């Protein structure tokens, strides 16, 4: 701590003591009520600090940012948990994907597969994939179309995950259609 910081801290402590002392002297006849008001202000202060610290998560829940399209580029802000999320129309049905450059394929959860018209229980789970939860069986499928930013691609090779998955993964069978993938300042940009 520098000398200037020590002096500033000393000044703030003395100022706080003067304000606190004058408040105690002014309210000495009603100390209980003054303590109650001080506690209320302390809780308000703690609440404001907490809301400020959680604002990134709160604002993402209240007003989630979506991917935007401009000049053949898809711009995605980082979502909750540090993941990049994008909604793509798969066979005409909106599906929310976690962008995963480490996934070699587009991986559909069973619920998303069902939503786009596939019947997961009738698929042939002939493949295997290593996941964070261990090995899972996968069923190869072909998606007729994937539409993002007014551009439709297809057919796209994908797999349906035989295990439990919260969200589908946007892997390299789709991401490889872009010439460039950039990540900077909390934003991912896909360029055709």
N, C-alpha and C. Protein backbone atom coordinates (compact mmCIF):
# COMPACT_ATOMS: atom_id res chain seq x y z
N UNK A 1 0.84 -1.17 0.00
CA UNK A 1 0.00 0.00 0.00
C UNK A 1 0.89 1.24 0.00
N UNK A 2 0.61 2.17 -0.90
CA UNK A 2 1.43 3.37 -1.00
C UNK A 2 1.03 4.38 0.07
N UNK A 3 1.86 5.38 0.24
CA UNK A 3 1.58 6.43 1.22
C UNK A 3 0.29 7.16 0.86
N UNK A 4 0.06 7.41 -0.42
CA UNK A 4 -1.17 8.09 -0.85
C UNK A 4 -2.41 7.25 -0.50
N UNK A 5 -2.32 5.94 -0.71
CA UNK A 5 -3.45 5.08 -0.39
C UNK A 5 -3.71 5.04 1.11
N UNK A 6 -2.64 5.04 1.90
CA UNK A 6 -2.80 5.06 3.36
C UNK A 6 -3.47 6.35 3.79
N UNK A 7 -3.05 7.47 3.21
CA UNK A 7 -3.64 8.77 3.55
C UNK A 7 -5.12 8.82 3.15
N UNK A 8 -5.43 8.29 1.97
CA UNK A 8 -6.83 8.27 1.53
C UNK A 8 -7.68 7.41 2.46
N UNK A 9 -7.16 6.25 2.85
CA UNK A 9 -7.88 5.37 3.76
C UNK A 9 -8.07 6.04 5.11
N UNK A 10 -7.03 6.71 5.61
CA UNK A 10 -7.14 7.43 6.88
C UNK A 10 -8.20 8.51 6.80
N UNK A 11 -8.22 9.26 5.71
CA UNK A 11 -9.22 10.31 5.51
C UNK A 11 -10.63 9.72 5.52
N UNK A 12 -10.82 8.61 4.79
CA UNK A 12 -12.15 7.99 4.73
C UNK A 12 -12.59 7.45 6.08
N UNK A 13 -11.66 6.87 6.84
CA UNK A 13 -12.00 6.37 8.18
C UNK A 13 -12.39 7.53 9.09
N UNK A 14 -11.62 8.61 9.06
CA UNK A 14 -11.94 9.79 9.89
C UNK A 14 -13.28 10.40 9.48
N UNK A 15 -13.51 10.51 8.18
CA UNK A 15 -14.78 11.06 7.68
C UNK A 15 -15.94 10.17 8.12
N UNK A 16 -15.78 8.84 7.97
CA UNK A 16 -16.83 7.91 8.40
C UNK A 16 -17.09 8.00 9.89
N UNK A 17 -16.01 8.13 10.68
CA UNK A 17 -16.16 8.25 12.13
C UNK A 17 -16.89 9.54 12.49
N UNK A 18 -16.57 10.64 11.79
CA UNK A 18 -17.24 11.91 12.06
C UNK A 18 -18.72 11.83 11.72
N UNK A 19 -19.05 11.25 10.58
CA UNK A 19 -20.46 11.14 10.17
C UNK A 19 -21.19 10.21 11.13
N UNK A 20 -20.57 9.05 11.44
CA UNK A 20 -21.20 8.11 12.36
C UNK A 20 -21.38 8.71 13.74
N UNK A 21 -20.34 9.42 14.24
CA UNK A 21 -20.43 10.05 15.57
C UNK A 21 -21.53 11.10 15.62
N UNK A 22 -21.64 11.91 14.58
CA UNK A 22 -22.68 12.95 14.58
C UNK A 22 -24.07 12.31 14.51
N UNK A 23 -24.20 11.19 13.77
CA UNK A 23 -25.50 10.50 13.69
C UNK A 23 -25.88 9.92 15.05
N UNK A 24 -24.89 9.37 15.78
CA UNK A 24 -25.17 8.80 17.11
C UNK A 24 -25.57 9.90 18.08
N UNK A 25 -24.84 11.03 18.04
CA UNK A 25 -25.17 12.15 18.93
C UNK A 25 -26.56 12.69 18.61
N UNK A 26 -26.88 12.84 17.32
CA UNK A 26 -28.18 13.39 16.93
C UNK A 26 -29.32 12.44 17.28
N UNK A 27 -29.05 11.14 17.23
CA UNK A 27 -30.14 10.19 17.48
C UNK A 27 -29.99 9.44 18.78
N UNK A 28 -29.28 10.02 19.76
CA UNK A 28 -29.02 9.29 21.01
C UNK A 28 -30.29 8.96 21.78
N UNK A 29 -31.37 9.71 21.56
CA UNK A 29 -32.62 9.42 22.26
C UNK A 29 -33.37 8.26 21.59
N UNK A 30 -33.00 7.92 20.37
CA UNK A 30 -33.74 6.91 19.61
C UNK A 30 -32.75 5.95 18.93
N UNK A 31 -31.86 5.33 19.71
CA UNK A 31 -30.82 4.48 19.15
C UNK A 31 -31.38 3.24 18.46
N UNK A 32 -32.46 2.67 18.96
CA UNK A 32 -33.06 1.48 18.36
C UNK A 32 -33.54 1.74 16.94
N UNK A 33 -34.21 2.85 16.77
CA UNK A 33 -34.70 3.20 15.43
C UNK A 33 -33.54 3.51 14.48
N UNK A 34 -32.52 4.18 15.01
CA UNK A 34 -31.36 4.50 14.18
C UNK A 34 -30.63 3.22 13.75
N UNK A 35 -30.53 2.24 14.64
CA UNK A 35 -29.90 0.96 14.30
C UNK A 35 -30.71 0.24 13.22
N UNK A 36 -32.03 0.32 13.33
CA UNK A 36 -32.90 -0.31 12.32
C UNK A 36 -32.69 0.34 10.95
N UNK A 37 -32.63 1.65 10.91
CA UNK A 37 -32.42 2.35 9.64
C UNK A 37 -31.03 2.05 9.08
N UNK A 38 -30.03 1.97 9.94
CA UNK A 38 -28.68 1.65 9.49
C UNK A 38 -28.65 0.24 8.88
N UNK A 39 -29.37 -0.70 9.50
CA UNK A 39 -29.43 -2.07 8.98
C UNK A 39 -30.12 -2.09 7.62
N UNK A 40 -31.18 -1.32 7.47
CA UNK A 40 -31.89 -1.26 6.18
C UNK A 40 -30.96 -0.73 5.10
N UNK A 41 -30.24 0.36 5.41
CA UNK A 41 -29.32 0.93 4.42
C UNK A 41 -28.19 -0.04 4.09
N UNK A 42 -27.70 -0.77 5.09
CA UNK A 42 -26.64 -1.76 4.85
C UNK A 42 -27.15 -2.86 3.91
N UNK A 43 -28.39 -3.32 4.13
CA UNK A 43 -28.96 -4.36 3.26
C UNK A 43 -29.16 -3.83 1.83
N UNK A 44 -29.60 -2.59 1.72
CA UNK A 44 -29.75 -1.99 0.39
C UNK A 44 -28.39 -1.92 -0.30
N UNK A 45 -27.37 -1.50 0.42
CA UNK A 45 -26.01 -1.41 -0.13
C UNK A 45 -25.52 -2.78 -0.59
N UNK A 46 -25.70 -3.80 0.25
CA UNK A 46 -25.28 -5.16 -0.10
C UNK A 46 -26.06 -5.66 -1.31
N UNK A 47 -27.36 -5.36 -1.37
CA UNK A 47 -28.18 -5.76 -2.52
C UNK A 47 -27.71 -5.12 -3.82
N UNK A 48 -27.36 -3.84 -3.76
CA UNK A 48 -26.87 -3.15 -4.96
C UNK A 48 -25.54 -3.75 -5.41
N UNK A 49 -24.66 -4.04 -4.47
CA UNK A 49 -23.38 -4.66 -4.82
C UNK A 49 -23.61 -6.03 -5.43
N UNK A 50 -24.52 -6.82 -4.84
CA UNK A 50 -24.83 -8.15 -5.37
C UNK A 50 -25.42 -8.08 -6.77
N UNK A 51 -26.36 -7.16 -6.98
CA UNK A 51 -26.99 -7.02 -8.30
C UNK A 51 -25.95 -6.58 -9.33
N UNK A 52 -25.06 -5.69 -8.95
CA UNK A 52 -24.01 -5.26 -9.87
C UNK A 52 -23.11 -6.42 -10.25
N UNK A 53 -22.74 -7.22 -9.26
CA UNK A 53 -21.86 -8.36 -9.51
C UNK A 53 -22.50 -9.43 -10.37
N UNK A 54 -23.81 -9.59 -10.27
CA UNK A 54 -24.53 -10.62 -11.03
C UNK A 54 -25.19 -10.06 -12.28
N UNK A 55 -24.96 -8.80 -12.60
CA UNK A 55 -25.68 -8.16 -13.70
C UNK A 55 -25.52 -8.89 -15.03
N UNK A 56 -24.33 -9.42 -15.31
CA UNK A 56 -24.12 -10.14 -16.57
C UNK A 56 -25.06 -11.32 -16.69
N UNK A 57 -25.19 -12.10 -15.61
CA UNK A 57 -26.10 -13.25 -15.64
C UNK A 57 -27.55 -12.81 -15.65
N UNK A 58 -27.89 -11.81 -14.84
CA UNK A 58 -29.28 -11.34 -14.77
C UNK A 58 -29.72 -10.76 -16.10
N UNK A 59 -28.89 -9.92 -16.71
CA UNK A 59 -29.28 -9.29 -17.97
C UNK A 59 -29.42 -10.31 -19.08
N UNK A 60 -28.60 -11.38 -19.03
CA UNK A 60 -28.71 -12.43 -20.05
C UNK A 60 -30.04 -13.16 -19.92
N UNK A 61 -30.53 -13.33 -18.68
CA UNK A 61 -31.83 -13.99 -18.47
C UNK A 61 -32.98 -13.08 -18.85
N UNK A 62 -32.88 -11.80 -18.50
CA UNK A 62 -33.97 -10.87 -18.78
C UNK A 62 -34.05 -10.48 -20.24
N UNK A 63 -32.90 -10.29 -20.86
CA UNK A 63 -32.86 -9.84 -22.24
C UNK A 63 -31.76 -10.60 -22.97
N UNK A 64 -31.99 -11.89 -23.27
CA UNK A 64 -30.93 -12.65 -23.92
C UNK A 64 -30.57 -12.07 -25.27
N UNK A 65 -29.28 -11.97 -25.53
CA UNK A 65 -28.81 -11.43 -26.80
C UNK A 65 -28.78 -12.56 -27.82
N UNK A 66 -29.14 -12.26 -29.03
CA UNK A 66 -29.17 -13.25 -30.09
C UNK A 66 -28.05 -12.98 -31.08
N UNK A 67 -27.79 -13.99 -31.87
CA UNK A 67 -26.83 -13.83 -32.94
C UNK A 67 -27.40 -12.84 -33.96
N UNK A 68 -26.54 -12.01 -34.51
CA UNK A 68 -26.98 -11.07 -35.55
C UNK A 68 -26.24 -11.40 -36.84
N UNK A 69 -26.87 -11.06 -37.95
CA UNK A 69 -26.29 -11.34 -39.24
C UNK A 69 -26.04 -10.04 -39.98
N UNK A 70 -24.84 -9.92 -40.55
CA UNK A 70 -24.51 -8.73 -41.33
C UNK A 70 -23.37 -9.06 -42.28
N UNK A 71 -23.49 -8.69 -43.53
CA UNK A 71 -22.43 -8.85 -44.52
C UNK A 71 -21.91 -10.29 -44.61
N UNK A 72 -22.79 -11.25 -44.54
CA UNK A 72 -22.37 -12.64 -44.62
C UNK A 72 -21.67 -13.14 -43.36
N UNK A 73 -21.75 -12.37 -42.28
CA UNK A 73 -21.13 -12.74 -41.01
C UNK A 73 -22.21 -13.00 -39.97
N UNK A 74 -21.98 -13.98 -39.14
CA UNK A 74 -22.85 -14.27 -38.01
C UNK A 74 -22.08 -13.85 -36.77
N UNK A 75 -22.65 -12.93 -35.98
CA UNK A 75 -22.00 -12.41 -34.79
C UNK A 75 -22.78 -12.92 -33.58
N UNK A 76 -22.09 -13.68 -32.70
CA UNK A 76 -22.73 -14.27 -31.53
C UNK A 76 -22.08 -13.76 -30.25
N UNK A 77 -22.85 -13.16 -29.36
CA UNK A 77 -22.30 -12.78 -28.07
C UNK A 77 -22.17 -14.01 -27.17
N UNK A 78 -21.23 -13.96 -26.25
CA UNK A 78 -21.06 -15.05 -25.30
C UNK A 78 -22.27 -15.10 -24.39
N UNK A 79 -22.81 -16.28 -24.19
CA UNK A 79 -23.99 -16.46 -23.35
C UNK A 79 -23.61 -16.88 -21.95
N UNK A 80 -24.60 -17.36 -21.22
CA UNK A 80 -24.39 -17.81 -19.85
C UNK A 80 -23.39 -18.94 -19.83
N UNK A 81 -22.60 -18.97 -18.80
CA UNK A 81 -21.62 -20.03 -18.66
C UNK A 81 -20.46 -19.92 -19.62
N UNK A 82 -20.38 -18.82 -20.38
CA UNK A 82 -19.27 -18.63 -21.30
C UNK A 82 -19.44 -19.32 -22.64
N UNK A 83 -20.61 -19.89 -22.90
CA UNK A 83 -20.85 -20.60 -24.15
C UNK A 83 -21.42 -19.65 -25.21
N UNK A 84 -21.18 -20.00 -26.47
CA UNK A 84 -21.77 -19.26 -27.58
C UNK A 84 -22.99 -20.05 -28.05
N UNK A 85 -24.13 -19.39 -28.07
CA UNK A 85 -25.38 -20.04 -28.41
C UNK A 85 -25.94 -19.41 -29.68
N UNK A 86 -26.58 -20.25 -30.50
CA UNK A 86 -27.18 -19.75 -31.72
C UNK A 86 -28.42 -20.59 -32.03
N UNK A 87 -29.43 -19.95 -32.57
CA UNK A 87 -30.65 -20.66 -32.98
C UNK A 87 -30.64 -20.81 -34.49
N UNK A 88 -30.77 -22.05 -34.94
CA UNK A 88 -30.75 -22.37 -36.36
C UNK A 88 -32.02 -23.15 -36.69
N UNK A 89 -32.64 -22.82 -37.81
CA UNK A 89 -33.81 -23.58 -38.26
C UNK A 89 -33.32 -24.88 -38.90
N UNK A 90 -33.62 -26.00 -38.27
CA UNK A 90 -33.24 -27.31 -38.78
C UNK A 90 -34.50 -27.96 -39.35
N UNK A 91 -34.46 -28.23 -40.64
CA UNK A 91 -35.65 -28.76 -41.33
C UNK A 91 -36.87 -27.89 -41.04
N UNK A 92 -36.63 -26.58 -40.92
CA UNK A 92 -37.71 -25.61 -40.70
C UNK A 92 -38.09 -25.39 -39.25
N UNK A 93 -37.49 -26.11 -38.30
CA UNK A 93 -37.82 -25.98 -36.87
C UNK A 93 -36.67 -25.31 -36.13
N UNK A 94 -36.93 -24.24 -35.37
CA UNK A 94 -35.86 -23.57 -34.62
C UNK A 94 -35.25 -24.50 -33.57
N UNK A 95 -33.92 -24.60 -33.58
CA UNK A 95 -33.19 -25.41 -32.60
C UNK A 95 -32.07 -24.54 -32.04
N UNK A 96 -31.95 -24.52 -30.72
CA UNK A 96 -30.89 -23.76 -30.06
C UNK A 96 -29.67 -24.68 -29.91
N UNK A 97 -28.53 -24.19 -30.39
CA UNK A 97 -27.28 -24.95 -30.35
C UNK A 97 -26.25 -24.25 -29.48
N UNK A 98 -25.41 -25.05 -28.83
CA UNK A 98 -24.18 -24.56 -28.21
C UNK A 98 -23.11 -24.76 -29.28
N UNK A 99 -22.39 -23.69 -29.63
CA UNK A 99 -21.34 -23.79 -30.63
C UNK A 99 -20.17 -24.53 -29.99
N UNK A 100 -19.74 -25.62 -30.63
CA UNK A 100 -18.67 -26.46 -30.09
C UNK A 100 -17.67 -26.78 -31.19
N UNK A 101 -16.60 -25.98 -31.26
CA UNK A 101 -15.59 -26.20 -32.30
C UNK A 101 -14.81 -27.49 -32.06
N UNK A 102 -14.95 -28.07 -30.87
CA UNK A 102 -14.29 -29.34 -30.57
C UNK A 102 -15.11 -30.55 -30.98
N UNK A 103 -16.36 -30.33 -31.37
CA UNK A 103 -17.22 -31.44 -31.81
C UNK A 103 -17.05 -31.60 -33.32
N UNK A 104 -16.78 -32.82 -33.75
CA UNK A 104 -16.55 -33.04 -35.18
C UNK A 104 -17.85 -33.00 -35.98
N UNK A 105 -18.97 -33.23 -35.31
CA UNK A 105 -20.26 -33.27 -36.01
C UNK A 105 -21.29 -32.39 -35.32
N UNK A 106 -22.39 -32.15 -36.03
CA UNK A 106 -23.57 -31.57 -35.40
C UNK A 106 -24.18 -32.70 -34.58
N UNK A 107 -24.43 -32.43 -33.29
CA UNK A 107 -24.96 -33.45 -32.40
C UNK A 107 -26.31 -32.97 -31.87
N UNK A 108 -27.35 -33.73 -32.17
CA UNK A 108 -28.70 -33.38 -31.71
C UNK A 108 -29.03 -34.14 -30.43
N UNK A 109 -29.66 -33.43 -29.50
CA UNK A 109 -30.20 -34.12 -28.34
C UNK A 109 -31.42 -34.91 -28.81
N UNK A 110 -31.83 -35.87 -28.04
CA UNK A 110 -33.00 -36.67 -28.43
C UNK A 110 -34.26 -35.80 -28.51
N UNK A 111 -34.40 -34.84 -27.60
CA UNK A 111 -35.60 -33.99 -27.63
C UNK A 111 -35.60 -33.10 -28.87
N UNK A 112 -34.44 -32.55 -29.26
CA UNK A 112 -34.39 -31.73 -30.47
C UNK A 112 -34.62 -32.59 -31.72
N UNK A 113 -34.08 -33.81 -31.72
CA UNK A 113 -34.31 -34.71 -32.85
C UNK A 113 -35.80 -34.97 -33.02
N UNK A 114 -36.48 -35.19 -31.91
CA UNK A 114 -37.93 -35.43 -31.94
C UNK A 114 -38.66 -34.19 -32.48
N UNK A 115 -38.22 -33.00 -32.05
CA UNK A 115 -38.87 -31.75 -32.48
C UNK A 115 -38.76 -31.53 -33.99
N UNK A 116 -37.66 -32.00 -34.60
CA UNK A 116 -37.49 -31.76 -36.05
C UNK A 116 -38.06 -32.89 -36.89
N UNK A 117 -38.72 -33.84 -36.22
CA UNK A 117 -39.41 -34.89 -36.97
C UNK A 117 -38.74 -36.24 -37.00
N UNK A 118 -37.65 -36.42 -36.25
CA UNK A 118 -37.01 -37.73 -36.19
C UNK A 118 -37.56 -38.48 -34.97
N UNK A 119 -37.55 -39.79 -35.04
CA UNK A 119 -38.00 -40.62 -33.92
C UNK A 119 -36.78 -41.30 -33.32
N UNK A 120 -36.20 -40.75 -32.24
CA UNK A 120 -34.96 -41.28 -31.69
C UNK A 120 -35.02 -42.77 -31.34
N UNK A 121 -36.18 -43.23 -30.94
CA UNK A 121 -36.30 -44.64 -30.55
C UNK A 121 -36.20 -45.60 -31.74
N UNK A 122 -36.38 -45.09 -32.95
CA UNK A 122 -36.31 -45.95 -34.14
C UNK A 122 -34.95 -45.86 -34.85
N UNK A 123 -34.08 -44.97 -34.40
CA UNK A 123 -32.78 -44.80 -35.06
C UNK A 123 -31.83 -45.94 -34.72
N UNK A 124 -30.88 -46.14 -35.58
CA UNK A 124 -29.85 -47.18 -35.38
C UNK A 124 -28.61 -46.51 -34.75
N UNK A 125 -28.36 -46.78 -33.49
CA UNK A 125 -27.25 -46.19 -32.74
C UNK A 125 -26.00 -47.04 -32.97
N UNK A 126 -25.37 -46.81 -34.10
CA UNK A 126 -24.23 -47.64 -34.52
C UNK A 126 -22.88 -46.99 -34.23
N UNK A 127 -22.87 -45.73 -33.85
CA UNK A 127 -21.61 -45.03 -33.59
C UNK A 127 -21.36 -44.84 -32.11
N UNK A 128 -20.15 -44.40 -31.80
CA UNK A 128 -19.76 -44.10 -30.42
C UNK A 128 -19.08 -42.73 -30.41
N UNK A 129 -19.29 -42.00 -29.32
CA UNK A 129 -18.63 -40.70 -29.18
C UNK A 129 -18.15 -40.54 -27.75
N UNK A 130 -16.98 -39.95 -27.60
CA UNK A 130 -16.43 -39.65 -26.27
C UNK A 130 -16.95 -38.29 -25.84
N UNK A 131 -17.57 -38.24 -24.68
CA UNK A 131 -18.09 -36.99 -24.14
C UNK A 131 -17.51 -36.75 -22.75
N UNK A 132 -17.83 -35.62 -22.17
CA UNK A 132 -17.38 -35.33 -20.81
C UNK A 132 -17.97 -36.33 -19.82
N UNK A 133 -19.11 -36.93 -20.16
CA UNK A 133 -19.75 -37.92 -19.29
C UNK A 133 -19.39 -39.35 -19.67
N UNK A 134 -18.41 -39.53 -20.52
CA UNK A 134 -18.01 -40.87 -20.94
C UNK A 134 -18.47 -41.17 -22.36
N UNK A 135 -18.39 -42.42 -22.73
CA UNK A 135 -18.77 -42.85 -24.07
C UNK A 135 -20.29 -42.94 -24.20
N UNK A 136 -20.80 -42.46 -25.35
CA UNK A 136 -22.25 -42.57 -25.63
C UNK A 136 -22.42 -43.12 -27.03
N UNK A 137 -23.55 -43.73 -27.24
CA UNK A 137 -23.89 -44.24 -28.57
C UNK A 137 -24.50 -43.11 -29.38
N UNK A 138 -24.26 -43.13 -30.67
CA UNK A 138 -24.80 -42.10 -31.56
C UNK A 138 -25.45 -42.75 -32.77
N UNK A 139 -26.45 -42.06 -33.29
CA UNK A 139 -27.15 -42.53 -34.49
C UNK A 139 -26.91 -41.52 -35.61
N UNK A 140 -26.32 -41.93 -36.73
CA UNK A 140 -26.10 -41.00 -37.83
C UNK A 140 -27.43 -40.63 -38.51
N UNK A 141 -27.57 -39.35 -38.83
CA UNK A 141 -28.75 -38.85 -39.54
C UNK A 141 -28.29 -37.82 -40.56
N UNK A 142 -29.15 -37.53 -41.51
CA UNK A 142 -28.89 -36.46 -42.47
C UNK A 142 -29.97 -35.41 -42.29
N UNK A 143 -29.54 -34.18 -42.05
CA UNK A 143 -30.48 -33.06 -41.90
C UNK A 143 -30.69 -32.46 -43.29
N UNK A 144 -31.94 -32.33 -43.69
CA UNK A 144 -32.23 -31.79 -45.02
C UNK A 144 -31.76 -30.36 -45.16
N UNK A 145 -31.99 -29.55 -44.11
CA UNK A 145 -31.60 -28.14 -44.22
C UNK A 145 -31.29 -27.56 -42.85
N UNK A 146 -30.35 -26.61 -42.86
CA UNK A 146 -30.04 -25.79 -41.69
C UNK A 146 -29.98 -24.35 -42.19
N UNK A 147 -30.84 -23.49 -41.63
CA UNK A 147 -30.95 -22.11 -42.10
C UNK A 147 -30.54 -21.15 -40.99
N UNK A 148 -29.56 -20.31 -41.30
CA UNK A 148 -29.09 -19.29 -40.37
C UNK A 148 -28.78 -18.03 -41.17
N UNK A 149 -29.33 -16.91 -40.73
CA UNK A 149 -29.04 -15.63 -41.37
C UNK A 149 -29.48 -15.57 -42.81
N UNK A 150 -30.58 -16.25 -43.14
CA UNK A 150 -31.09 -16.21 -44.49
C UNK A 150 -30.37 -17.15 -45.45
N UNK A 151 -29.37 -17.88 -44.97
CA UNK A 151 -28.63 -18.82 -45.81
C UNK A 151 -29.01 -20.23 -45.39
N UNK A 152 -29.42 -21.02 -46.37
CA UNK A 152 -29.80 -22.41 -46.10
C UNK A 152 -28.74 -23.34 -46.66
N UNK A 153 -28.28 -24.26 -45.82
CA UNK A 153 -27.32 -25.27 -46.21
C UNK A 153 -27.96 -26.64 -46.04
N UNK A 154 -27.52 -27.59 -46.83
CA UNK A 154 -28.01 -28.95 -46.65
C UNK A 154 -27.75 -29.74 -47.89
N UNK A 155 -27.77 -31.00 -47.81
CA UNK A 155 -27.94 -31.78 -46.58
C UNK A 155 -26.68 -31.72 -45.70
N UNK A 156 -26.88 -31.86 -44.39
CA UNK A 156 -25.80 -31.80 -43.40
C UNK A 156 -25.79 -33.12 -42.64
N UNK A 157 -24.62 -33.72 -42.54
CA UNK A 157 -24.48 -34.94 -41.75
C UNK A 157 -24.46 -34.57 -40.26
N UNK A 158 -25.18 -35.35 -39.45
CA UNK A 158 -25.27 -35.10 -38.02
C UNK A 158 -25.43 -36.44 -37.31
N UNK A 159 -25.45 -36.39 -35.99
CA UNK A 159 -25.75 -37.57 -35.19
C UNK A 159 -26.74 -37.19 -34.10
N UNK A 160 -27.51 -38.18 -33.66
CA UNK A 160 -28.38 -38.01 -32.51
C UNK A 160 -27.69 -38.72 -31.35
N UNK A 161 -27.55 -38.02 -30.24
CA UNK A 161 -26.88 -38.55 -29.06
C UNK A 161 -27.81 -39.55 -28.37
N UNK A 162 -27.29 -40.73 -28.09
CA UNK A 162 -28.09 -41.75 -27.41
C UNK A 162 -28.20 -41.51 -25.92
N UNK A 163 -27.39 -40.61 -25.37
CA UNK A 163 -27.43 -40.31 -23.94
C UNK A 163 -28.21 -39.03 -23.66
N UNK A 164 -28.19 -38.63 -22.41
CA UNK A 164 -28.87 -37.41 -21.99
C UNK A 164 -28.03 -36.20 -22.37
N UNK A 165 -28.68 -35.21 -22.95
CA UNK A 165 -28.02 -33.97 -23.36
C UNK A 165 -29.01 -32.83 -23.18
N UNK A 166 -28.56 -31.73 -22.57
CA UNK A 166 -29.46 -30.59 -22.39
C UNK A 166 -29.68 -29.83 -23.69
N UNK A 167 -28.60 -29.59 -24.42
CA UNK A 167 -28.72 -28.82 -25.65
C UNK A 167 -27.91 -29.48 -26.76
N UNK A 168 -28.33 -29.24 -27.97
CA UNK A 168 -27.63 -29.77 -29.13
C UNK A 168 -26.33 -29.00 -29.35
N UNK A 169 -25.37 -29.66 -30.01
CA UNK A 169 -24.06 -29.06 -30.26
C UNK A 169 -23.89 -28.76 -31.74
N UNK A 170 -23.39 -27.58 -32.03
CA UNK A 170 -23.11 -27.19 -33.41
C UNK A 170 -21.64 -27.47 -33.67
N UNK A 171 -21.37 -28.60 -34.32
CA UNK A 171 -20.00 -29.02 -34.55
C UNK A 171 -19.50 -28.67 -35.93
N UNK A 172 -18.36 -29.28 -36.28
CA UNK A 172 -17.63 -28.89 -37.47
C UNK A 172 -18.29 -29.30 -38.79
N UNK A 173 -19.21 -30.26 -38.80
CA UNK A 173 -19.87 -30.57 -40.08
C UNK A 173 -20.67 -29.36 -40.56
N UNK A 174 -21.07 -28.49 -39.64
CA UNK A 174 -21.73 -27.24 -40.04
C UNK A 174 -20.73 -26.08 -40.03
N UNK A 175 -19.96 -25.96 -38.96
CA UNK A 175 -19.04 -24.82 -38.84
C UNK A 175 -18.00 -24.81 -39.96
N UNK A 176 -17.68 -25.98 -40.51
CA UNK A 176 -16.73 -26.07 -41.60
C UNK A 176 -17.21 -25.41 -42.89
N UNK A 177 -18.48 -25.03 -42.95
CA UNK A 177 -19.02 -24.33 -44.11
C UNK A 177 -18.58 -22.86 -44.13
N UNK A 178 -18.04 -22.38 -43.02
CA UNK A 178 -17.60 -20.99 -42.91
C UNK A 178 -16.09 -20.92 -43.17
N UNK A 179 -15.66 -19.82 -43.80
CA UNK A 179 -14.25 -19.64 -44.10
C UNK A 179 -13.44 -19.27 -42.87
N UNK A 180 -14.08 -18.57 -41.93
CA UNK A 180 -13.33 -18.07 -40.78
C UNK A 180 -14.21 -18.11 -39.53
N UNK A 181 -13.59 -18.52 -38.42
CA UNK A 181 -14.24 -18.49 -37.10
C UNK A 181 -13.32 -17.69 -36.19
N UNK A 182 -13.83 -16.58 -35.65
CA UNK A 182 -13.02 -15.71 -34.79
C UNK A 182 -13.70 -15.55 -33.44
N UNK A 183 -12.89 -15.51 -32.39
CA UNK A 183 -13.40 -15.26 -31.05
C UNK A 183 -12.57 -14.13 -30.45
N UNK A 184 -13.25 -13.03 -30.09
CA UNK A 184 -12.55 -11.89 -29.47
C UNK A 184 -13.55 -11.07 -28.68
N UNK A 185 -13.12 -10.61 -27.52
CA UNK A 185 -13.91 -9.69 -26.69
C UNK A 185 -15.32 -10.21 -26.43
N UNK A 186 -15.45 -11.48 -26.10
CA UNK A 186 -16.75 -12.04 -25.76
C UNK A 186 -17.69 -12.20 -26.94
N UNK A 187 -17.15 -12.24 -28.14
CA UNK A 187 -17.97 -12.38 -29.34
C UNK A 187 -17.34 -13.39 -30.28
N UNK A 188 -18.18 -14.24 -30.85
CA UNK A 188 -17.73 -15.18 -31.89
C UNK A 188 -18.30 -14.70 -33.21
N UNK A 189 -17.46 -14.68 -34.23
CA UNK A 189 -17.88 -14.24 -35.56
C UNK A 189 -17.61 -15.37 -36.54
N UNK A 190 -18.65 -15.77 -37.28
CA UNK A 190 -18.52 -16.75 -38.35
C UNK A 190 -18.62 -16.00 -39.67
N UNK A 191 -17.66 -16.18 -40.55
CA UNK A 191 -17.63 -15.47 -41.83
C UNK A 191 -17.67 -16.46 -42.97
N UNK A 192 -18.56 -16.23 -43.93
CA UNK A 192 -18.68 -17.10 -45.11
C UNK A 192 -17.56 -16.80 -46.07
